[in-house]
Amino acid sequence: MNELEGLCLKSVCIAKDNTTLIDIDVHIKPGEITSIMGPSGSGKSTLLSFIIGTLAPDFDSRGSIVLDGVDVTNLAAERRRIGILFQDDLLFPHLSVGDNLAFGLSAAVRGPERTARVQDALSEIGLTDFATRDPDTLSGGQKARVALMRMLLSEPKALLLDEPFSRLDTDLRAQIRSLVFEHAKARGLPVLMVTHDDQDANAAGGQVIRL
């Protein structure tokens, strides 16, 4: 296992009330998508919380998270450089579409460069003239694209997917799923996806771990 590239979960074990929920060892290389499948309550979202650093204190955990050769297990969530997409788009309703995207940028990106980066991002997802739009006026697919691009603008080194396609209808689900996978692969991001849907896992084309 070459730990210098991708996301490694090394001997990760998560338990609650002396019951083991997760026991996993996996290496996800850059551009690869690993799917985690299992029934509700099997620990899928708990594993994602452990990886991003938001696991509730009533869980017991051990093992390590290594990202591009760096052990991030004990880093604060905001320092881990791990992006996540949820079922809900979680766009800020009080901000315009452009300001939602700008939120993902580093504070070091300022002035005209910040505006240009937002405009380039909108163009990349086919929403060129949407900078001043209210998020509430967007369709489900448009919101999903904005959420994806806001996360990518934060320049993560790995991506977690917590069933982000589950609320989309069948046709839109396939479209947004392809968009997310293509952008992640183009950026060489290791991806860990939690899903109930075999079609999601099949489309990912990578390892499938069933809990």
N, C-alpha and C. Protein backbone atom coordinates (compact mmCIF):
# COMPACT_ATOMS: atom_id res chain seq x y z
N MET A 1 0.84 -1.20 0.00
CA MET A 1 0.00 0.00 0.00
C MET A 1 0.87 1.24 0.00
N ASN A 2 0.82 2.03 -1.07
CA ASN A 2 1.58 3.27 -1.15
C ASN A 2 0.79 4.39 -0.48
N GLU A 3 1.15 4.73 0.74
CA GLU A 3 0.40 5.70 1.52
C GLU A 3 0.68 7.14 1.08
N LEU A 4 1.63 7.32 0.15
CA LEU A 4 1.97 8.67 -0.27
C LEU A 4 0.96 9.23 -1.25
N GLU A 5 0.04 8.40 -1.73
CA GLU A 5 -0.98 8.87 -2.66
C GLU A 5 -2.35 8.37 -2.23
N GLY A 6 -3.32 9.26 -2.21
CA GLY A 6 -4.69 8.86 -1.93
C GLY A 6 -5.05 8.87 -0.46
N LEU A 7 -6.18 8.21 -0.17
CA LEU A 7 -6.73 8.16 1.18
C LEU A 7 -6.62 6.75 1.73
N CYS A 8 -5.97 6.62 2.87
CA CYS A 8 -5.80 5.32 3.55
C CYS A 8 -6.53 5.33 4.88
N LEU A 9 -7.39 4.35 5.09
CA LEU A 9 -7.97 4.12 6.41
C LEU A 9 -7.27 2.88 6.96
N LYS A 10 -6.48 3.09 7.99
CA LYS A 10 -5.63 2.02 8.51
C LYS A 10 -6.18 1.48 9.82
N SER A 11 -6.65 0.22 9.78
CA SER A 11 -7.14 -0.47 10.98
C SER A 11 -8.16 0.38 11.73
N VAL A 12 -9.09 0.97 10.99
CA VAL A 12 -10.11 1.83 11.60
C VAL A 12 -11.21 0.98 12.22
N CYS A 13 -11.44 1.19 13.49
CA CYS A 13 -12.48 0.47 14.22
C CYS A 13 -13.30 1.48 15.02
N ILE A 14 -14.60 1.45 14.84
CA ILE A 14 -15.49 2.37 15.55
C ILE A 14 -16.55 1.55 16.28
N ALA A 15 -16.72 1.85 17.56
CA ALA A 15 -17.67 1.10 18.39
C ALA A 15 -18.52 2.06 19.22
N LYS A 16 -19.68 1.56 19.63
CA LYS A 16 -20.54 2.31 20.55
C LYS A 16 -21.20 1.32 21.49
N ASP A 17 -21.15 1.66 22.77
CA ASP A 17 -21.72 0.78 23.80
C ASP A 17 -21.19 -0.65 23.66
N ASN A 18 -19.88 -0.75 23.44
CA ASN A 18 -19.16 -2.02 23.33
C ASN A 18 -19.59 -2.86 22.13
N THR A 19 -20.29 -2.24 21.17
CA THR A 19 -20.66 -2.93 19.93
C THR A 19 -19.88 -2.33 18.77
N THR A 20 -19.13 -3.17 18.06
CA THR A 20 -18.34 -2.70 16.94
C THR A 20 -19.24 -2.44 15.72
N LEU A 21 -19.16 -1.22 15.20
CA LEU A 21 -19.94 -0.85 14.02
C LEU A 21 -19.10 -0.92 12.75
N ILE A 22 -17.86 -0.50 12.86
CA ILE A 22 -16.98 -0.40 11.70
C ILE A 22 -15.64 -1.05 12.02
N ASP A 23 -15.16 -1.88 11.11
CA ASP A 23 -13.82 -2.46 11.21
C ASP A 23 -13.29 -2.53 9.78
N ILE A 24 -12.43 -1.61 9.41
CA ILE A 24 -12.11 -1.45 7.99
C ILE A 24 -10.66 -1.06 7.76
N ASP A 25 -10.10 -1.57 6.68
CA ASP A 25 -8.77 -1.22 6.17
C ASP A 25 -8.95 -1.00 4.68
N VAL A 26 -8.68 0.19 4.20
CA VAL A 26 -8.86 0.42 2.77
C VAL A 26 -7.92 1.52 2.29
N HIS A 27 -7.47 1.39 1.05
CA HIS A 27 -6.65 2.42 0.40
C HIS A 27 -7.35 2.83 -0.88
N ILE A 28 -7.70 4.11 -0.98
CA ILE A 28 -8.36 4.64 -2.17
C ILE A 28 -7.36 5.53 -2.90
N LYS A 29 -6.98 5.12 -4.10
CA LYS A 29 -5.99 5.87 -4.86
C LYS A 29 -6.60 7.11 -5.50
N PRO A 30 -5.77 8.07 -5.91
CA PRO A 30 -6.27 9.27 -6.57
C PRO A 30 -7.12 8.91 -7.80
N GLY A 31 -8.30 9.50 -7.89
CA GLY A 31 -9.18 9.24 -9.02
C GLY A 31 -10.04 8.00 -8.90
N GLU A 32 -9.86 7.23 -7.83
CA GLU A 32 -10.66 6.03 -7.61
C GLU A 32 -11.86 6.34 -6.72
N ILE A 33 -12.93 5.56 -6.90
CA ILE A 33 -14.13 5.71 -6.09
C ILE A 33 -14.44 4.39 -5.41
N THR A 34 -14.42 4.38 -4.09
CA THR A 34 -14.79 3.21 -3.31
C THR A 34 -16.17 3.43 -2.72
N SER A 35 -17.04 2.44 -2.85
CA SER A 35 -18.42 2.55 -2.36
C SER A 35 -18.59 1.75 -1.08
N ILE A 36 -19.27 2.36 -0.12
CA ILE A 36 -19.65 1.69 1.12
C ILE A 36 -21.15 1.48 1.09
N MET A 37 -21.59 0.23 1.20
CA MET A 37 -23.01 -0.08 1.17
C MET A 37 -23.40 -0.86 2.43
N GLY A 38 -24.65 -0.67 2.83
CA GLY A 38 -25.14 -1.38 4.01
C GLY A 38 -26.46 -0.79 4.45
N PRO A 39 -27.21 -1.51 5.28
CA PRO A 39 -28.51 -1.03 5.73
C PRO A 39 -28.37 0.18 6.66
N SER A 40 -29.47 0.88 6.87
CA SER A 40 -29.48 2.00 7.80
C SER A 40 -29.05 1.51 9.19
N GLY A 41 -28.22 2.30 9.84
CA GLY A 41 -27.75 1.93 11.17
C GLY A 41 -26.51 1.07 11.18
N SER A 42 -25.96 0.77 9.98
CA SER A 42 -24.79 -0.11 9.92
C SER A 42 -23.48 0.65 10.16
N GLY A 43 -23.54 1.97 10.22
CA GLY A 43 -22.34 2.74 10.55
C GLY A 43 -21.73 3.50 9.38
N LYS A 44 -22.43 3.57 8.25
CA LYS A 44 -21.86 4.22 7.06
C LYS A 44 -21.57 5.71 7.31
N SER A 45 -22.57 6.43 7.78
CA SER A 45 -22.38 7.87 8.02
C SER A 45 -21.47 8.11 9.23
N THR A 46 -21.47 7.17 10.16
CA THR A 46 -20.56 7.27 11.30
C THR A 46 -19.11 7.23 10.83
N LEU A 47 -18.83 6.37 9.86
CA LEU A 47 -17.48 6.30 9.30
C LEU A 47 -17.09 7.62 8.65
N LEU A 48 -18.00 8.23 7.91
CA LEU A 48 -17.70 9.51 7.28
C LEU A 48 -17.44 10.58 8.33
N SER A 49 -18.20 10.57 9.41
CA SER A 49 -17.98 11.54 10.49
C SER A 49 -16.60 11.38 11.11
N PHE A 50 -16.16 10.14 11.26
CA PHE A 50 -14.82 9.87 11.78
C PHE A 50 -13.76 10.44 10.83
N ILE A 51 -13.96 10.26 9.54
CA ILE A 51 -12.96 10.69 8.56
C ILE A 51 -12.86 12.21 8.51
N ILE A 52 -13.99 12.91 8.59
CA ILE A 52 -13.93 14.38 8.50
C ILE A 52 -13.69 15.05 9.85
N GLY A 53 -13.71 14.27 10.93
CA GLY A 53 -13.36 14.83 12.23
C GLY A 53 -14.53 15.35 13.04
N THR A 54 -15.72 14.81 12.80
CA THR A 54 -16.90 15.28 13.54
C THR A 54 -17.60 14.15 14.29
N LEU A 55 -16.88 13.08 14.57
CA LEU A 55 -17.48 11.93 15.26
C LEU A 55 -17.89 12.32 16.67
N ALA A 56 -19.12 11.98 17.05
CA ALA A 56 -19.63 12.31 18.38
C ALA A 56 -18.79 11.61 19.46
N PRO A 57 -18.64 12.26 20.62
CA PRO A 57 -17.77 11.71 21.67
C PRO A 57 -18.27 10.41 22.29
N ASP A 58 -19.53 10.04 22.06
CA ASP A 58 -20.02 8.80 22.65
C ASP A 58 -19.63 7.57 21.84
N PHE A 59 -18.87 7.77 20.74
CA PHE A 59 -18.31 6.66 19.98
C PHE A 59 -16.86 6.45 20.39
N ASP A 60 -16.44 5.19 20.39
CA ASP A 60 -15.02 4.86 20.61
C ASP A 60 -14.40 4.55 19.25
N SER A 61 -13.24 5.12 18.99
CA SER A 61 -12.61 4.89 17.69
C SER A 61 -11.11 4.69 17.84
N ARG A 62 -10.58 3.91 16.92
CA ARG A 62 -9.13 3.75 16.84
C ARG A 62 -8.76 3.53 15.37
N GLY A 63 -7.48 3.60 15.10
CA GLY A 63 -7.02 3.52 13.73
C GLY A 63 -6.63 4.90 13.24
N SER A 64 -6.17 4.99 12.00
CA SER A 64 -5.67 6.26 11.50
C SER A 64 -6.17 6.55 10.10
N ILE A 65 -6.19 7.85 9.79
CA ILE A 65 -6.58 8.37 8.48
C ILE A 65 -5.34 9.02 7.88
N VAL A 66 -4.86 8.48 6.77
CA VAL A 66 -3.65 9.00 6.14
C VAL A 66 -4.03 9.53 4.75
N LEU A 67 -3.75 10.80 4.52
CA LEU A 67 -4.11 11.45 3.27
C LEU A 67 -2.86 11.96 2.58
N ASP A 68 -2.55 11.39 1.43
CA ASP A 68 -1.33 11.74 0.68
C ASP A 68 -0.09 11.69 1.57
N GLY A 69 -0.02 10.62 2.39
CA GLY A 69 1.14 10.39 3.22
C GLY A 69 1.14 11.13 4.54
N VAL A 70 0.13 11.93 4.82
CA VAL A 70 0.05 12.70 6.06
C VAL A 70 -1.05 12.14 6.95
N ASP A 71 -0.70 11.82 8.19
CA ASP A 71 -1.69 11.33 9.15
C ASP A 71 -2.52 12.51 9.63
N VAL A 72 -3.81 12.52 9.28
CA VAL A 72 -4.68 13.65 9.64
C VAL A 72 -5.65 13.28 10.77
N THR A 73 -5.46 12.11 11.36
CA THR A 73 -6.43 11.58 12.34
C THR A 73 -6.73 12.56 13.46
N ASN A 74 -5.70 13.25 13.94
CA ASN A 74 -5.88 14.13 15.10
C ASN A 74 -5.95 15.61 14.73
N LEU A 75 -6.05 15.90 13.44
CA LEU A 75 -6.20 17.29 13.03
C LEU A 75 -7.64 17.75 13.19
N ALA A 76 -7.82 19.05 13.39
CA ALA A 76 -9.17 19.62 13.42
C ALA A 76 -9.82 19.43 12.05
N ALA A 77 -11.14 19.34 12.04
CA ALA A 77 -11.88 19.06 10.79
C ALA A 77 -11.49 20.02 9.67
N GLU A 78 -11.37 21.30 9.98
CA GLU A 78 -11.11 22.30 8.94
C GLU A 78 -9.69 22.22 8.39
N ARG A 79 -8.82 21.46 9.02
CA ARG A 79 -7.43 21.34 8.55
C ARG A 79 -7.18 20.04 7.79
N ARG A 80 -8.19 19.21 7.65
CA ARG A 80 -7.98 17.89 7.03
C ARG A 80 -7.99 17.91 5.51
N ARG A 81 -8.54 18.96 4.91
CA ARG A 81 -8.62 19.07 3.44
C ARG A 81 -9.44 17.92 2.85
N ILE A 82 -10.53 17.57 3.52
CA ILE A 82 -11.42 16.52 3.03
C ILE A 82 -12.79 17.14 2.79
N GLY A 83 -13.27 17.09 1.54
CA GLY A 83 -14.57 17.64 1.20
C GLY A 83 -15.66 16.60 1.33
N ILE A 84 -16.90 17.05 1.54
CA ILE A 84 -18.01 16.12 1.65
C ILE A 84 -19.27 16.73 1.02
N LEU A 85 -20.02 15.87 0.34
CA LEU A 85 -21.32 16.24 -0.20
C LEU A 85 -22.38 15.38 0.47
N PHE A 86 -23.47 16.04 0.91
CA PHE A 86 -24.54 15.35 1.62
C PHE A 86 -25.78 15.20 0.73
N GLN A 87 -26.83 14.57 1.28
CA GLN A 87 -28.12 14.46 0.59
C GLN A 87 -28.67 15.85 0.29
N ASP A 88 -28.58 16.75 1.26
CA ASP A 88 -29.04 18.12 1.08
C ASP A 88 -27.90 18.98 0.55
N ASP A 89 -28.22 19.95 -0.31
CA ASP A 89 -27.17 20.78 -0.92
C ASP A 89 -26.53 21.73 0.09
N LEU A 90 -27.27 22.12 1.15
CA LEU A 90 -26.76 22.98 2.22
C LEU A 90 -26.23 24.32 1.70
N LEU A 91 -26.86 24.85 0.66
CA LEU A 91 -26.50 26.19 0.20
C LEU A 91 -27.02 27.21 1.22
N PHE A 92 -26.30 28.31 1.35
CA PHE A 92 -26.71 29.35 2.29
C PHE A 92 -27.83 30.18 1.65
N PRO A 93 -29.03 30.18 2.22
CA PRO A 93 -30.16 30.86 1.58
C PRO A 93 -30.03 32.38 1.56
N HIS A 94 -29.22 32.94 2.47
CA HIS A 94 -29.08 34.40 2.55
C HIS A 94 -27.99 34.93 1.62
N LEU A 95 -27.30 34.02 0.90
CA LEU A 95 -26.25 34.41 -0.03
C LEU A 95 -26.66 34.11 -1.46
N SER A 96 -26.19 34.91 -2.40
CA SER A 96 -26.42 34.63 -3.81
C SER A 96 -25.66 33.38 -4.22
N VAL A 97 -25.94 32.89 -5.42
CA VAL A 97 -25.21 31.73 -5.93
C VAL A 97 -23.71 32.03 -5.99
N GLY A 98 -23.36 33.21 -6.50
CA GLY A 98 -21.95 33.58 -6.58
C GLY A 98 -21.28 33.66 -5.22
N ASP A 99 -22.00 34.22 -4.24
CA ASP A 99 -21.43 34.32 -2.89
C ASP A 99 -21.33 32.96 -2.23
N ASN A 100 -22.25 32.05 -2.54
CA ASN A 100 -22.13 30.68 -2.04
C ASN A 100 -20.84 30.04 -2.55
N LEU A 101 -20.55 30.24 -3.84
CA LEU A 101 -19.33 29.68 -4.40
C LEU A 101 -18.10 30.34 -3.79
N ALA A 102 -18.14 31.66 -3.62
CA ALA A 102 -17.00 32.38 -3.06
C ALA A 102 -16.68 31.91 -1.65
N PHE A 103 -17.70 31.42 -0.94
CA PHE A 103 -17.49 30.92 0.42
C PHE A 103 -16.49 29.77 0.43
N GLY A 104 -16.43 29.01 -0.67
CA GLY A 104 -15.51 27.88 -0.73
C GLY A 104 -14.05 28.28 -0.95
N LEU A 105 -13.83 29.49 -1.40
CA LEU A 105 -12.48 29.93 -1.71
C LEU A 105 -11.70 30.31 -0.46
N SER A 106 -10.39 30.19 -0.55
CA SER A 106 -9.51 30.63 0.53
C SER A 106 -9.63 32.14 0.70
N ALA A 107 -9.50 32.61 1.93
CA ALA A 107 -9.54 34.05 2.20
C ALA A 107 -8.39 34.77 1.51
N ALA A 108 -7.35 34.01 1.13
CA ALA A 108 -6.21 34.62 0.45
C ALA A 108 -6.54 35.02 -0.99
N VAL A 109 -7.62 34.46 -1.53
CA VAL A 109 -8.06 34.81 -2.90
C VAL A 109 -8.97 36.02 -2.78
N ARG A 110 -8.52 37.17 -3.29
CA ARG A 110 -9.27 38.41 -3.07
C ARG A 110 -9.49 39.17 -4.36
N GLY A 111 -10.37 40.18 -4.26
CA GLY A 111 -10.57 41.14 -5.34
C GLY A 111 -10.97 40.52 -6.66
N PRO A 112 -10.39 41.04 -7.75
CA PRO A 112 -10.76 40.57 -9.09
C PRO A 112 -10.51 39.07 -9.29
N GLU A 113 -9.46 38.55 -8.65
CA GLU A 113 -9.17 37.12 -8.80
C GLU A 113 -10.30 36.29 -8.20
N ARG A 114 -10.85 36.75 -7.08
CA ARG A 114 -11.95 36.02 -6.43
C ARG A 114 -13.18 36.01 -7.35
N THR A 115 -13.48 37.17 -7.94
CA THR A 115 -14.61 37.26 -8.85
C THR A 115 -14.41 36.37 -10.07
N ALA A 116 -13.18 36.37 -10.59
CA ALA A 116 -12.87 35.56 -11.78
C ALA A 116 -12.98 34.08 -11.48
N ARG A 117 -12.54 33.67 -10.30
CA ARG A 117 -12.61 32.25 -9.93
C ARG A 117 -14.07 31.79 -9.83
N VAL A 118 -14.91 32.64 -9.27
CA VAL A 118 -16.33 32.31 -9.16
C VAL A 118 -16.95 32.21 -10.54
N GLN A 119 -16.62 33.16 -11.42
CA GLN A 119 -17.20 33.14 -12.76
C GLN A 119 -16.73 31.92 -13.55
N ASP A 120 -15.47 31.56 -13.41
CA ASP A 120 -14.96 30.36 -14.08
C ASP A 120 -15.68 29.11 -13.57
N ALA A 121 -15.94 29.08 -12.26
CA ALA A 121 -16.63 27.94 -11.67
C ALA A 121 -18.06 27.83 -12.20
N LEU A 122 -18.75 28.96 -12.30
CA LEU A 122 -20.10 28.96 -12.85
C LEU A 122 -20.11 28.47 -14.29
N SER A 123 -19.13 28.91 -15.06
CA SER A 123 -19.03 28.48 -16.45
C SER A 123 -18.80 26.98 -16.55
N GLU A 124 -18.00 26.45 -15.63
CA GLU A 124 -17.65 25.03 -15.65
C GLU A 124 -18.86 24.14 -15.41
N ILE A 125 -19.84 24.65 -14.68
CA ILE A 125 -21.03 23.84 -14.39
C ILE A 125 -22.25 24.31 -15.19
N GLY A 126 -22.01 25.14 -16.21
CA GLY A 126 -23.08 25.54 -17.11
C GLY A 126 -24.07 26.53 -16.53
N LEU A 127 -23.61 27.36 -15.57
CA LEU A 127 -24.49 28.34 -14.93
C LEU A 127 -23.88 29.75 -15.02
N THR A 128 -23.40 30.09 -16.19
CA THR A 128 -22.61 31.31 -16.39
C THR A 128 -23.29 32.57 -15.85
N ASP A 129 -24.57 32.74 -16.06
CA ASP A 129 -25.24 33.99 -15.70
C ASP A 129 -25.98 33.91 -14.37
N PHE A 130 -25.56 32.99 -13.50
CA PHE A 130 -26.33 32.74 -12.27
C PHE A 130 -25.71 33.37 -11.02
N ALA A 131 -24.68 34.19 -11.15
CA ALA A 131 -23.96 34.69 -9.97
C ALA A 131 -24.86 35.43 -8.99
N THR A 132 -25.81 36.21 -9.49
CA THR A 132 -26.64 37.02 -8.60
C THR A 132 -27.96 36.33 -8.22
N ARG A 133 -28.16 35.12 -8.68
CA ARG A 133 -29.42 34.42 -8.42
C ARG A 133 -29.55 34.00 -6.96
N ASP A 134 -30.78 33.97 -6.48
CA ASP A 134 -31.10 33.45 -5.16
C ASP A 134 -31.10 31.92 -5.26
N PRO A 135 -30.44 31.21 -4.35
CA PRO A 135 -30.41 29.74 -4.42
C PRO A 135 -31.81 29.11 -4.44
N ASP A 136 -32.79 29.78 -3.82
CA ASP A 136 -34.13 29.21 -3.78
C ASP A 136 -34.80 29.18 -5.15
N THR A 137 -34.25 29.92 -6.11
CA THR A 137 -34.83 29.92 -7.46
C THR A 137 -34.24 28.83 -8.34
N LEU A 138 -33.29 28.07 -7.82
CA LEU A 138 -32.63 27.03 -8.61
C LEU A 138 -33.39 25.72 -8.57
N SER A 139 -33.23 24.93 -9.62
CA SER A 139 -33.77 23.57 -9.63
C SER A 139 -32.89 22.67 -8.76
N GLY A 140 -33.38 21.46 -8.51
CA GLY A 140 -32.60 20.52 -7.70
C GLY A 140 -31.24 20.22 -8.33
N GLY A 141 -31.24 20.04 -9.65
CA GLY A 141 -29.98 19.75 -10.33
C GLY A 141 -29.02 20.92 -10.29
N GLN A 142 -29.53 22.14 -10.42
CA GLN A 142 -28.68 23.33 -10.36
C GLN A 142 -28.09 23.50 -8.96
N LYS A 143 -28.89 23.26 -7.95
CA LYS A 143 -28.39 23.35 -6.57
C LYS A 143 -27.28 22.32 -6.34
N ALA A 144 -27.47 21.12 -6.87
CA ALA A 144 -26.46 20.06 -6.70
C ALA A 144 -25.14 20.47 -7.37
N ARG A 145 -25.23 21.12 -8.54
CA ARG A 145 -24.02 21.55 -9.23
C ARG A 145 -23.30 22.65 -8.47
N VAL A 146 -24.06 23.59 -7.90
CA VAL A 146 -23.45 24.66 -7.12
C VAL A 146 -22.78 24.10 -5.88
N ALA A 147 -23.45 23.16 -5.20
CA ALA A 147 -22.88 22.55 -4.00
C ALA A 147 -21.58 21.83 -4.32
N LEU A 148 -21.57 21.11 -5.45
CA LEU A 148 -20.36 20.41 -5.87
C LEU A 148 -19.23 21.40 -6.12
N MET A 149 -19.50 22.46 -6.86
CA MET A 149 -18.44 23.39 -7.21
C MET A 149 -17.95 24.17 -6.00
N ARG A 150 -18.84 24.51 -5.09
CA ARG A 150 -18.41 25.20 -3.86
C ARG A 150 -17.42 24.33 -3.09
N MET A 151 -17.73 23.04 -3.01
CA MET A 151 -16.82 22.12 -2.31
C MET A 151 -15.48 22.03 -3.04
N LEU A 152 -15.50 21.94 -4.38
CA LEU A 152 -14.26 21.81 -5.14
C LEU A 152 -13.41 23.08 -5.05
N LEU A 153 -14.05 24.24 -4.92
CA LEU A 153 -13.29 25.50 -4.80
C LEU A 153 -12.49 25.56 -3.50
N SER A 154 -12.87 24.75 -2.52
CA SER A 154 -12.12 24.71 -1.27
C SER A 154 -10.84 23.87 -1.41
N GLU A 155 -10.65 23.30 -2.60
CA GLU A 155 -9.45 22.53 -2.95
C GLU A 155 -9.16 21.37 -1.98
N PRO A 156 -10.13 20.46 -1.84
CA PRO A 156 -9.91 19.30 -0.98
C PRO A 156 -8.93 18.33 -1.62
N LYS A 157 -8.38 17.45 -0.80
CA LYS A 157 -7.48 16.41 -1.29
C LYS A 157 -8.18 15.05 -1.35
N ALA A 158 -9.40 14.99 -0.84
CA ALA A 158 -10.22 13.77 -0.90
C ALA A 158 -11.67 14.20 -0.83
N LEU A 159 -12.56 13.33 -1.31
CA LEU A 159 -13.98 13.65 -1.36
C LEU A 159 -14.79 12.50 -0.75
N LEU A 160 -15.72 12.86 0.12
CA LEU A 160 -16.67 11.92 0.69
C LEU A 160 -18.06 12.24 0.15
N LEU A 161 -18.81 11.21 -0.18
CA LEU A 161 -20.17 11.37 -0.69
C LEU A 161 -21.14 10.63 0.22
N ASP A 162 -22.01 11.38 0.90
CA ASP A 162 -22.98 10.78 1.81
C ASP A 162 -24.35 10.77 1.14
N GLU A 163 -24.54 9.83 0.23
CA GLU A 163 -25.77 9.66 -0.54
C GLU A 163 -26.27 10.98 -1.15
N PRO A 164 -25.40 11.72 -1.84
CA PRO A 164 -25.81 13.03 -2.34
C PRO A 164 -26.78 12.99 -3.51
N PHE A 165 -26.99 11.81 -4.09
CA PHE A 165 -27.89 11.70 -5.26
C PHE A 165 -29.26 11.14 -4.89
N SER A 166 -29.48 10.79 -3.64
CA SER A 166 -30.65 10.00 -3.26
C SER A 166 -31.97 10.75 -3.41
N ARG A 167 -31.94 12.08 -3.38
CA ARG A 167 -33.19 12.84 -3.47
C ARG A 167 -33.49 13.32 -4.89
N LEU A 168 -32.66 12.93 -5.84
CA LEU A 168 -32.86 13.34 -7.22
C LEU A 168 -33.65 12.27 -7.97
N ASP A 169 -34.44 12.68 -8.96
CA ASP A 169 -35.16 11.69 -9.74
C ASP A 169 -34.17 10.91 -10.61
N THR A 170 -34.63 9.83 -11.21
CA THR A 170 -33.74 8.87 -11.86
C THR A 170 -32.84 9.50 -12.92
N ASP A 171 -33.43 10.28 -13.83
CA ASP A 171 -32.64 10.88 -14.90
C ASP A 171 -31.64 11.89 -14.37
N LEU A 172 -32.10 12.74 -13.45
CA LEU A 172 -31.22 13.75 -12.89
C LEU A 172 -30.13 13.12 -12.03
N ARG A 173 -30.49 12.04 -11.35
CA ARG A 173 -29.52 11.33 -10.51
C ARG A 173 -28.34 10.86 -11.35
N ALA A 174 -28.62 10.25 -12.50
CA ALA A 174 -27.54 9.77 -13.37
C ALA A 174 -26.69 10.92 -13.89
N GLN A 175 -27.33 12.04 -14.21
CA GLN A 175 -26.62 13.20 -14.74
C GLN A 175 -25.69 13.81 -13.70
N ILE A 176 -26.20 14.04 -12.50
CA ILE A 176 -25.39 14.66 -11.44
C ILE A 176 -24.31 13.70 -10.95
N ARG A 177 -24.64 12.43 -10.88
CA ARG A 177 -23.65 11.42 -10.48
C ARG A 177 -22.47 11.44 -11.45
N SER A 178 -22.75 11.47 -12.74
CA SER A 178 -21.67 11.52 -13.74
C SER A 178 -20.85 12.79 -13.59
N LEU A 179 -21.53 13.91 -13.34
CA LEU A 179 -20.83 15.18 -13.17
C LEU A 179 -19.87 15.13 -11.98
N VAL A 180 -20.36 14.62 -10.86
CA VAL A 180 -19.52 14.54 -9.65
C VAL A 180 -18.33 13.61 -9.89
N PHE A 181 -18.58 12.44 -10.45
CA PHE A 181 -17.50 11.49 -10.69
C PHE A 181 -16.46 12.05 -11.65
N GLU A 182 -16.92 12.71 -12.72
CA GLU A 182 -16.00 13.26 -13.71
C GLU A 182 -15.11 14.34 -13.11
N HIS A 183 -15.71 15.23 -12.32
CA HIS A 183 -14.92 16.31 -11.71
C HIS A 183 -13.93 15.75 -10.69
N ALA A 184 -14.36 14.76 -9.92
CA ALA A 184 -13.46 14.17 -8.92
C ALA A 184 -12.28 13.47 -9.59
N LYS A 185 -12.57 12.70 -10.64
CA LYS A 185 -11.51 11.98 -11.34
C LYS A 185 -10.57 12.94 -12.05
N ALA A 186 -11.12 14.00 -12.65
CA ALA A 186 -10.28 14.97 -13.35
C ALA A 186 -9.30 15.65 -12.40
N ARG A 187 -9.70 15.78 -11.13
CA ARG A 187 -8.84 16.42 -10.13
C ARG A 187 -7.99 15.40 -9.37
N GLY A 188 -8.14 14.12 -9.71
CA GLY A 188 -7.35 13.09 -9.05
C GLY A 188 -7.70 12.91 -7.58
N LEU A 189 -8.97 13.10 -7.23
CA LEU A 189 -9.38 12.97 -5.83
C LEU A 189 -9.76 11.53 -5.51
N PRO A 190 -9.26 10.99 -4.41
CA PRO A 190 -9.80 9.71 -3.94
C PRO A 190 -11.19 9.96 -3.37
N VAL A 191 -12.15 9.09 -3.71
CA VAL A 191 -13.54 9.31 -3.32
C VAL A 191 -14.06 8.11 -2.54
N LEU A 192 -14.70 8.40 -1.41
CA LEU A 192 -15.39 7.36 -0.64
C LEU A 192 -16.87 7.72 -0.64
N MET A 193 -17.68 6.84 -1.20
CA MET A 193 -19.12 7.11 -1.35
C MET A 193 -19.95 6.15 -0.52
N VAL A 194 -20.86 6.70 0.26
CA VAL A 194 -21.86 5.92 0.97
C VAL A 194 -23.14 5.93 0.15
N THR A 195 -23.71 4.76 -0.10
CA THR A 195 -24.93 4.70 -0.91
C THR A 195 -25.75 3.46 -0.57
N HIS A 196 -27.06 3.55 -0.83
CA HIS A 196 -27.94 2.38 -0.75
C HIS A 196 -28.19 1.81 -2.14
N ASP A 197 -27.75 2.53 -3.16
CA ASP A 197 -28.15 2.24 -4.53
C ASP A 197 -27.06 1.49 -5.30
N ASP A 198 -27.40 0.30 -5.78
CA ASP A 198 -26.44 -0.49 -6.55
C ASP A 198 -26.01 0.24 -7.82
N GLN A 199 -26.90 1.05 -8.41
CA GLN A 199 -26.55 1.77 -9.63
C GLN A 199 -25.45 2.80 -9.36
N ASP A 200 -25.49 3.43 -8.19
CA ASP A 200 -24.42 4.35 -7.82
C ASP A 200 -23.08 3.61 -7.76
N ALA A 201 -23.08 2.48 -7.09
CA ALA A 201 -21.85 1.70 -6.94
C ALA A 201 -21.35 1.19 -8.28
N ASN A 202 -22.27 0.73 -9.12
CA ASN A 202 -21.87 0.24 -10.44
C ASN A 202 -21.29 1.36 -11.29
N ALA A 203 -21.90 2.55 -11.22
CA ALA A 203 -21.40 3.69 -11.99
C ALA A 203 -20.03 4.14 -11.50
N ALA A 204 -19.78 3.97 -10.20
CA ALA A 204 -18.49 4.37 -9.64
C ALA A 204 -17.35 3.50 -10.19
N GLY A 205 -17.65 2.23 -10.39
CA GLY A 205 -16.69 1.34 -11.02
C GLY A 205 -15.52 0.90 -10.16
N GLY A 206 -15.58 1.20 -8.87
CA GLY A 206 -14.47 0.84 -7.99
C GLY A 206 -14.84 -0.24 -7.00
N GLN A 207 -14.04 -0.36 -5.97
CA GLN A 207 -14.27 -1.35 -4.93
C GLN A 207 -15.57 -1.08 -4.20
N VAL A 208 -16.29 -2.15 -3.85
CA VAL A 208 -17.53 -2.03 -3.08
C VAL A 208 -17.34 -2.78 -1.76
N ILE A 209 -17.57 -2.07 -0.66
CA ILE A 209 -17.45 -2.65 0.67
C ILE A 209 -18.84 -2.69 1.28
N ARG A 210 -19.28 -3.88 1.65
CA ARG A 210 -20.63 -4.02 2.22
C ARG A 210 -20.52 -4.23 3.72
N LEU A 211 -21.24 -3.40 4.47
CA LEU A 211 -21.23 -3.49 5.93
C LEU A 211 -22.38 -4.38 6.41
